[in-house]
Amino acid sequence: MNTQDIIYPIGQFVSWTIENLLEPLMDPFNAGVIILGLVALVVWLKVLNGYVVKAKAEGKAP
């Protein structure tokens, strides 16, 4: 028994795990991160717009 008899099955297991378990999970995760980023952008822009409206109402330069 040599080292390759131990390392090769471990490598095959890691490869199988990535292909069959991790890759299918990444598509919904990536979509969720993109959607979360877009929602955060919209909220941030609304908050900034509120500050501009408030500054204009007080007669200050935004």
PDB file of N, CA and C in Angstrom:
ATOM      1  N   MET A   1       0.852  -1.175   0.000  1.00  0.00           N
ATOM      2  CA  MET A   1       0.000   0.000   0.000  1.00  0.00           C
ATOM      3  C   MET A   1       0.898   1.238   0.000  1.00  0.00           C
ATOM      4  N   ASN A   2       0.650   2.110  -0.959  1.00  0.00           N
ATOM      5  CA  ASN A   2       1.440   3.338  -1.013  1.00  0.00           C
ATOM      6  C   ASN A   2       0.544   4.551  -0.734  1.00  0.00           C
ATOM      7  N   THR A   3       1.161   5.720  -0.735  1.00  0.00           N
ATOM      8  CA  THR A   3       0.451   6.952  -0.390  1.00  0.00           C
ATOM      9  C   THR A   3      -0.662   7.257  -1.385  1.00  0.00           C
ATOM     10  N   GLN A   4      -0.452   6.930  -2.651  1.00  0.00           N
ATOM     11  CA  GLN A   4      -1.464   7.228  -3.667  1.00  0.00           C
ATOM     12  C   GLN A   4      -2.749   6.428  -3.438  1.00  0.00           C
ATOM     13  N   ASP A   5      -2.638   5.259  -2.846  1.00  0.00           N
ATOM     14  CA  ASP A   5      -3.831   4.468  -2.535  1.00  0.00           C
ATOM     15  C   ASP A   5      -4.704   5.161  -1.487  1.00  0.00           C
ATOM     16  N   ILE A   6      -4.122   6.047  -0.702  1.00  0.00           N
ATOM     17  CA  ILE A   6      -4.872   6.778   0.321  1.00  0.00           C
ATOM     18  C   ILE A   6      -5.354   8.121  -0.229  1.00  0.00           C
ATOM     19  N   ILE A   7      -4.496   8.814  -0.949  1.00  0.00           N
ATOM     20  CA  ILE A   7      -4.801  10.169  -1.407  1.00  0.00           C
ATOM     21  C   ILE A   7      -5.822  10.170  -2.549  1.00  0.00           C
ATOM     22  N   TYR A   8      -5.734   9.230  -3.481  1.00  0.00           N
ATOM     23  CA  TYR A   8      -6.631   9.227  -4.639  1.00  0.00           C
ATOM     24  C   TYR A   8      -8.106   9.104  -4.240  1.00  0.00           C
ATOM     25  N   PRO A   9      -8.493   8.179  -3.341  1.00  0.00           N
ATOM     26  CA  PRO A   9      -9.912   8.130  -2.943  1.00  0.00           C
ATOM     27  C   PRO A   9     -10.374   9.390  -2.219  1.00  0.00           C
ATOM     28  N   ILE A  10      -9.490   9.998  -1.441  1.00  0.00           N
ATOM     29  CA  ILE A  10      -9.851  11.251  -0.774  1.00  0.00           C
ATOM     30  C   ILE A  10     -10.101  12.338  -1.815  1.00  0.00           C
ATOM     31  N   GLY A  11      -9.250  12.418  -2.821  1.00  0.00           N
ATOM     32  CA  GLY A  11      -9.433  13.386  -3.902  1.00  0.00           C
ATOM     33  C   GLY A  11     -10.713  13.149  -4.667  1.00  0.00           C
ATOM     34  N   GLN A  12     -11.042  11.889  -4.925  1.00  0.00           N
ATOM     35  CA  GLN A  12     -12.284  11.560  -5.622  1.00  0.00           C
ATOM     36  C   GLN A  12     -13.495  11.951  -4.773  1.00  0.00           C
ATOM     37  N   PHE A  13     -13.411  11.736  -3.453  1.00  0.00           N
ATOM     38  CA  PHE A  13     -14.508  12.112  -2.567  1.00  0.00           C
ATOM     39  C   PHE A  13     -14.693  13.626  -2.543  1.00  0.00           C
ATOM     40  N   VAL A  14     -13.613  14.368  -2.471  1.00  0.00           N
ATOM     41  CA  VAL A  14     -13.694  15.833  -2.463  1.00  0.00           C
ATOM     42  C   VAL A  14     -14.275  16.323  -3.789  1.00  0.00           C
ATOM     43  N   SER A  15     -13.813  15.744  -4.894  1.00  0.00           N
ATOM     44  CA  SER A  15     -14.331  16.126  -6.210  1.00  0.00           C
ATOM     45  C   SER A  15     -15.831  15.828  -6.311  1.00  0.00           C
ATOM     46  N   TRP A  16     -16.253  14.665  -5.854  1.00  0.00           N
ATOM     47  CA  TRP A  16     -17.672  14.305  -5.890  1.00  0.00           C
ATOM     48  C   TRP A  16     -18.488  15.258  -5.026  1.00  0.00           C
ATOM     49  N   THR A  17     -17.960  15.597  -3.843  1.00  0.00           N
ATOM     50  CA  THR A  17     -18.671  16.493  -2.933  1.00  0.00           C
ATOM     51  C   THR A  17     -18.881  17.858  -3.570  1.00  0.00           C
ATOM     52  N   ILE A  18     -17.857  18.396  -4.194  1.00  0.00           N
ATOM     53  CA  ILE A  18     -17.977  19.715  -4.820  1.00  0.00           C
ATOM     54  C   ILE A  18     -18.963  19.677  -5.973  1.00  0.00           C
ATOM     55  N   GLU A  19     -18.868  18.667  -6.817  1.00  0.00           N
ATOM     56  CA  GLU A  19     -19.734  18.590  -8.000  1.00  0.00           C
ATOM     57  C   GLU A  19     -21.199  18.333  -7.639  1.00  0.00           C
ATOM     58  N   ASN A  20     -21.451  17.519  -6.635  1.00  0.00           N
ATOM     59  CA  ASN A  20     -22.825  17.079  -6.353  1.00  0.00           C
ATOM     60  C   ASN A  20     -23.495  17.806  -5.200  1.00  0.00           C
ATOM     61  N   LEU A  21     -22.737  18.407  -4.322  1.00  0.00           N
ATOM     62  CA  LEU A  21     -23.347  19.075  -3.183  1.00  0.00           C
ATOM     63  C   LEU A  21     -23.167  20.589  -3.214  1.00  0.00           C
ATOM     64  N   LEU A  22     -21.974  21.050  -3.494  1.00  0.00           N
ATOM     65  CA  LEU A  22     -21.715  22.483  -3.395  1.00  0.00           C
ATOM     66  C   LEU A  22     -22.150  23.270  -4.630  1.00  0.00           C
ATOM     67  N   GLU A  23     -21.927  22.734  -5.815  1.00  0.00           N
ATOM     68  CA  GLU A  23     -22.305  23.469  -7.030  1.00  0.00           C
ATOM     69  C   GLU A  23     -23.810  23.713  -7.134  1.00  0.00           C
ATOM     70  N   PRO A  24     -24.675  22.743  -6.819  1.00  0.00           N
ATOM     71  CA  PRO A  24     -26.117  23.045  -6.873  1.00  0.00           C
ATOM     72  C   PRO A  24     -26.550  24.089  -5.858  1.00  0.00           C
ATOM     73  N   LEU A  25     -25.849  24.198  -4.742  1.00  0.00           N
ATOM     74  CA  LEU A  25     -26.209  25.187  -3.731  1.00  0.00           C
ATOM     75  C   LEU A  25     -25.781  26.592  -4.118  1.00  0.00           C
ATOM     76  N   MET A  26     -24.819  26.733  -4.998  1.00  0.00           N
ATOM     77  CA  MET A  26     -24.266  28.042  -5.302  1.00  0.00           C
ATOM     78  C   MET A  26     -25.207  28.895  -6.161  1.00  0.00           C
ATOM     79  N   ASP A  27     -25.990  28.314  -7.034  1.00  0.00           N
ATOM     80  CA  ASP A  27     -26.875  29.112  -7.872  1.00  0.00           C
ATOM     81  C   ASP A  27     -27.904  29.893  -7.053  1.00  0.00           C
ATOM     82  N   PRO A  28     -28.636  29.258  -6.135  1.00  0.00           N
ATOM     83  CA  PRO A  28     -29.580  30.049  -5.331  1.00  0.00           C
ATOM     84  C   PRO A  28     -28.865  31.037  -4.412  1.00  0.00           C
ATOM     85  N   PHE A  29     -27.704  30.662  -3.900  1.00  0.00           N
ATOM     86  CA  PHE A  29     -26.955  31.567  -3.023  1.00  0.00           C
ATOM     87  C   PHE A  29     -26.526  32.814  -3.781  1.00  0.00           C
ATOM     88  N   ASN A  30     -25.983  32.634  -4.973  1.00  0.00           N
ATOM     89  CA  ASN A  30     -25.551  33.785  -5.772  1.00  0.00           C
ATOM     90  C   ASN A  30     -26.732  34.672  -6.138  1.00  0.00           C
ATOM     91  N   ALA A  31     -27.849  34.076  -6.501  1.00  0.00           N
ATOM     92  CA  ALA A  31     -29.036  34.866  -6.821  1.00  0.00           C
ATOM     93  C   ALA A  31     -29.507  35.632  -5.592  1.00  0.00           C
ATOM     94  N   GLY A  32     -29.460  34.995  -4.432  1.00  0.00           N
ATOM     95  CA  GLY A  32     -29.863  35.664  -3.199  1.00  0.00           C
ATOM     96  C   GLY A  32     -28.974  36.844  -2.868  1.00  0.00           C
ATOM     97  N   VAL A  33     -27.670  36.683  -3.073  1.00  0.00           N
ATOM     98  CA  VAL A  33     -26.738  37.783  -2.801  1.00  0.00           C
ATOM     99  C   VAL A  33     -26.990  38.945  -3.755  1.00  0.00           C
ATOM    100  N   ILE A  34     -27.243  38.665  -5.011  1.00  0.00           N
ATOM    101  CA  ILE A  34     -27.511  39.721  -5.985  1.00  0.00           C
ATOM    102  C   ILE A  34     -28.817  40.438  -5.643  1.00  0.00           C
ATOM    103  N   ILE A  35     -29.852  39.685  -5.310  1.00  0.00           N
ATOM    104  CA  ILE A  35     -31.139  40.300  -4.950  1.00  0.00           C
ATOM    105  C   ILE A  35     -30.993  41.135  -3.686  1.00  0.00           C
ATOM    106  N   LEU A  36     -30.280  40.614  -2.694  1.00  0.00           N
ATOM    107  CA  LEU A  36     -30.057  41.360  -1.461  1.00  0.00           C
ATOM    108  C   LEU A  36     -29.298  42.657  -1.746  1.00  0.00           C
ATOM    109  N   GLY A  37     -28.313  42.601  -2.619  1.00  0.00           N
ATOM    110  CA  GLY A  37     -27.568  43.804  -2.991  1.00  0.00           C
ATOM    111  C   GLY A  37     -28.446  44.832  -3.676  1.00  0.00           C
ATOM    112  N   LEU A  38     -29.312  44.393  -4.565  1.00  0.00           N
ATOM    113  CA  LEU A  38     -30.209  45.322  -5.252  1.00  0.00           C
ATOM    114  C   LEU A  38     -31.218  45.950  -4.295  1.00  0.00           C
ATOM    115  N   VAL A  39     -31.750  45.157  -3.373  1.00  0.00           N
ATOM    116  CA  VAL A  39     -32.677  45.698  -2.374  1.00  0.00           C
ATOM    117  C   VAL A  39     -31.966  46.712  -1.487  1.00  0.00           C
ATOM    118  N   ALA A  40     -30.744  46.396  -1.068  1.00  0.00           N
ATOM    119  CA  ALA A  40     -29.969  47.329  -0.242  1.00  0.00           C
ATOM    120  C   ALA A  40     -29.683  48.621  -1.000  1.00  0.00           C
ATOM    121  N   LEU A  41     -29.404  48.534  -2.297  1.00  0.00           N
ATOM    122  CA  LEU A  41     -29.162  49.719  -3.111  1.00  0.00           C
ATOM    123  C   LEU A  41     -30.402  50.607  -3.174  1.00  0.00           C
ATOM    124  N   VAL A  42     -31.565  50.005  -3.385  1.00  0.00           N
ATOM    125  CA  VAL A  42     -32.807  50.776  -3.456  1.00  0.00           C
ATOM    126  C   VAL A  42     -33.087  51.451  -2.116  1.00  0.00           C
ATOM    127  N   VAL A  43     -32.921  50.734  -1.021  1.00  0.00           N
ATOM    128  CA  VAL A  43     -33.156  51.320   0.305  1.00  0.00           C
ATOM    129  C   VAL A  43     -32.194  52.469   0.543  1.00  0.00           C
ATOM    130  N   TRP A  44     -30.930  52.279   0.210  1.00  0.00           N
ATOM    131  CA  TRP A  44     -29.914  53.311   0.409  1.00  0.00           C
ATOM    132  C   TRP A  44     -30.246  54.573  -0.398  1.00  0.00           C
ATOM    133  N   LEU A  45     -30.658  54.390  -1.653  1.00  0.00           N
ATOM    134  CA  LEU A  45     -31.002  55.542  -2.475  1.00  0.00           C
ATOM    135  C   LEU A  45     -32.234  56.272  -1.936  1.00  0.00           C
ATOM    136  N   LYS A  46     -33.218  55.533  -1.390  1.00  0.00           N
ATOM    137  CA  LYS A  46     -34.392  56.185  -0.796  1.00  0.00           C
ATOM    138  C   LYS A  46     -34.009  56.980   0.440  1.00  0.00           C
ATOM    139  N   VAL A  47     -33.111  56.441   1.256  1.00  0.00           N
ATOM    140  CA  VAL A  47     -32.658  57.169   2.446  1.00  0.00           C
ATOM    141  C   VAL A  47     -31.918  58.435   2.035  1.00  0.00           C
ATOM    142  N   LEU A  48     -31.045  58.342   1.042  1.00  0.00           N
ATOM    143  CA  LEU A  48     -30.327  59.519   0.564  1.00  0.00           C
ATOM    144  C   LEU A  48     -31.285  60.558   0.003  1.00  0.00           C
ATOM    145  N   ASN A  49     -32.305  60.109  -0.722  1.00  0.00           N
ATOM    146  CA  ASN A  49     -33.288  61.030  -1.261  1.00  0.00           C
ATOM    147  C   ASN A  49     -34.036  61.732  -0.132  1.00  0.00           C
ATOM    148  N   GLY A  50     -34.332  61.024   0.945  1.00  0.00           N
ATOM    149  CA  GLY A  50     -34.979  61.636   2.095  1.00  0.00           C
ATOM    150  C   GLY A  50     -34.121  62.736   2.705  1.00  0.00           C
ATOM    151  N   TYR A  51     -32.806  62.519   2.777  1.00  0.00           N
ATOM    152  CA  TYR A  51     -31.900  63.546   3.287  1.00  0.00           C
ATOM    153  C   TYR A  51     -31.878  64.770   2.380  1.00  0.00           C
ATOM    154  N   VAL A  52     -31.918  64.564   1.075  1.00  0.00           N
ATOM    155  CA  VAL A  52     -31.922  65.678   0.132  1.00  0.00           C
ATOM    156  C   VAL A  52     -33.210  66.482   0.270  1.00  0.00           C
ATOM    157  N   VAL A  53     -34.332  65.821   0.365  1.00  0.00           N
ATOM    158  CA  VAL A  53     -35.623  66.501   0.530  1.00  0.00           C
ATOM    159  C   VAL A  53     -35.632  67.300   1.832  1.00  0.00           C
ATOM    160  N   LYS A  54     -35.120  66.713   2.889  1.00  0.00           N
ATOM    161  CA  LYS A  54     -35.066  67.389   4.187  1.00  0.00           C
ATOM    162  C   LYS A  54     -34.157  68.619   4.109  1.00  0.00           C
ATOM    163  N   ALA A  55     -33.017  68.504   3.445  1.00  0.00           N
ATOM    164  CA  ALA A  55     -32.081  69.633   3.323  1.00  0.00           C
ATOM    165  C   ALA A  55     -32.692  70.753   2.488  1.00  0.00           C
ATOM    166  N   LYS A  56     -33.395  70.406   1.431  1.00  0.00           N
ATOM    167  CA  LYS A  56     -34.036  71.417   0.613  1.00  0.00           C
ATOM    168  C   LYS A  56     -35.147  72.117   1.386  1.00  0.00           C
ATOM    169  N   ALA A  57     -35.883  71.369   2.210  1.00  0.00           N
ATOM    170  CA  ALA A  57     -36.966  71.975   3.009  1.00  0.00           C
ATOM    171  C   ALA A  57     -36.399  72.949   4.042  1.00  0.00           C
ATOM    172  N   GLU A  58     -35.210  72.677   4.540  1.00  0.00           N
ATOM    173  CA  GLU A  58     -34.589  73.555   5.529  1.00  0.00           C
ATOM    174  C   GLU A  58     -33.803  74.682   4.883  1.00  0.00           C
ATOM    175  N   GLY A  59     -33.714  74.700   3.575  1.00  0.00           N
ATOM    176  CA  GLY A  59     -33.019  75.752   2.852  1.00  0.00           C
ATOM    177  C   GLY A  59     -31.512  75.577   2.803  1.00  0.00           C
ATOM    178  N   LYS A  60     -31.045  74.401   3.079  1.00  0.00           N
ATOM    179  CA  LYS A  60     -29.601  74.111   3.048  1.00  0.00           C
ATOM    180  C   LYS A  60     -29.259  73.465   1.721  1.00  0.00           C
ATOM    181  N   ALA A  61     -28.017  73.645   1.319  1.00  0.00           N
ATOM    182  CA  ALA A  61     -27.560  73.007   0.083  1.00  0.00           C
ATOM    183  C   ALA A  61     -27.328  71.527   0.341  1.00  0.00           C
ATOM    184  N   PRO A  62     -27.858  70.655  -0.495  1.00  0.00           N
ATOM    185  CA  PRO A  62     -27.666  69.220  -0.282  1.00  0.00           C
ATOM    186  C   PRO A  62     -26.257  68.771  -0.611  1.00  0.00           C
TER     187      PRO A  62
END
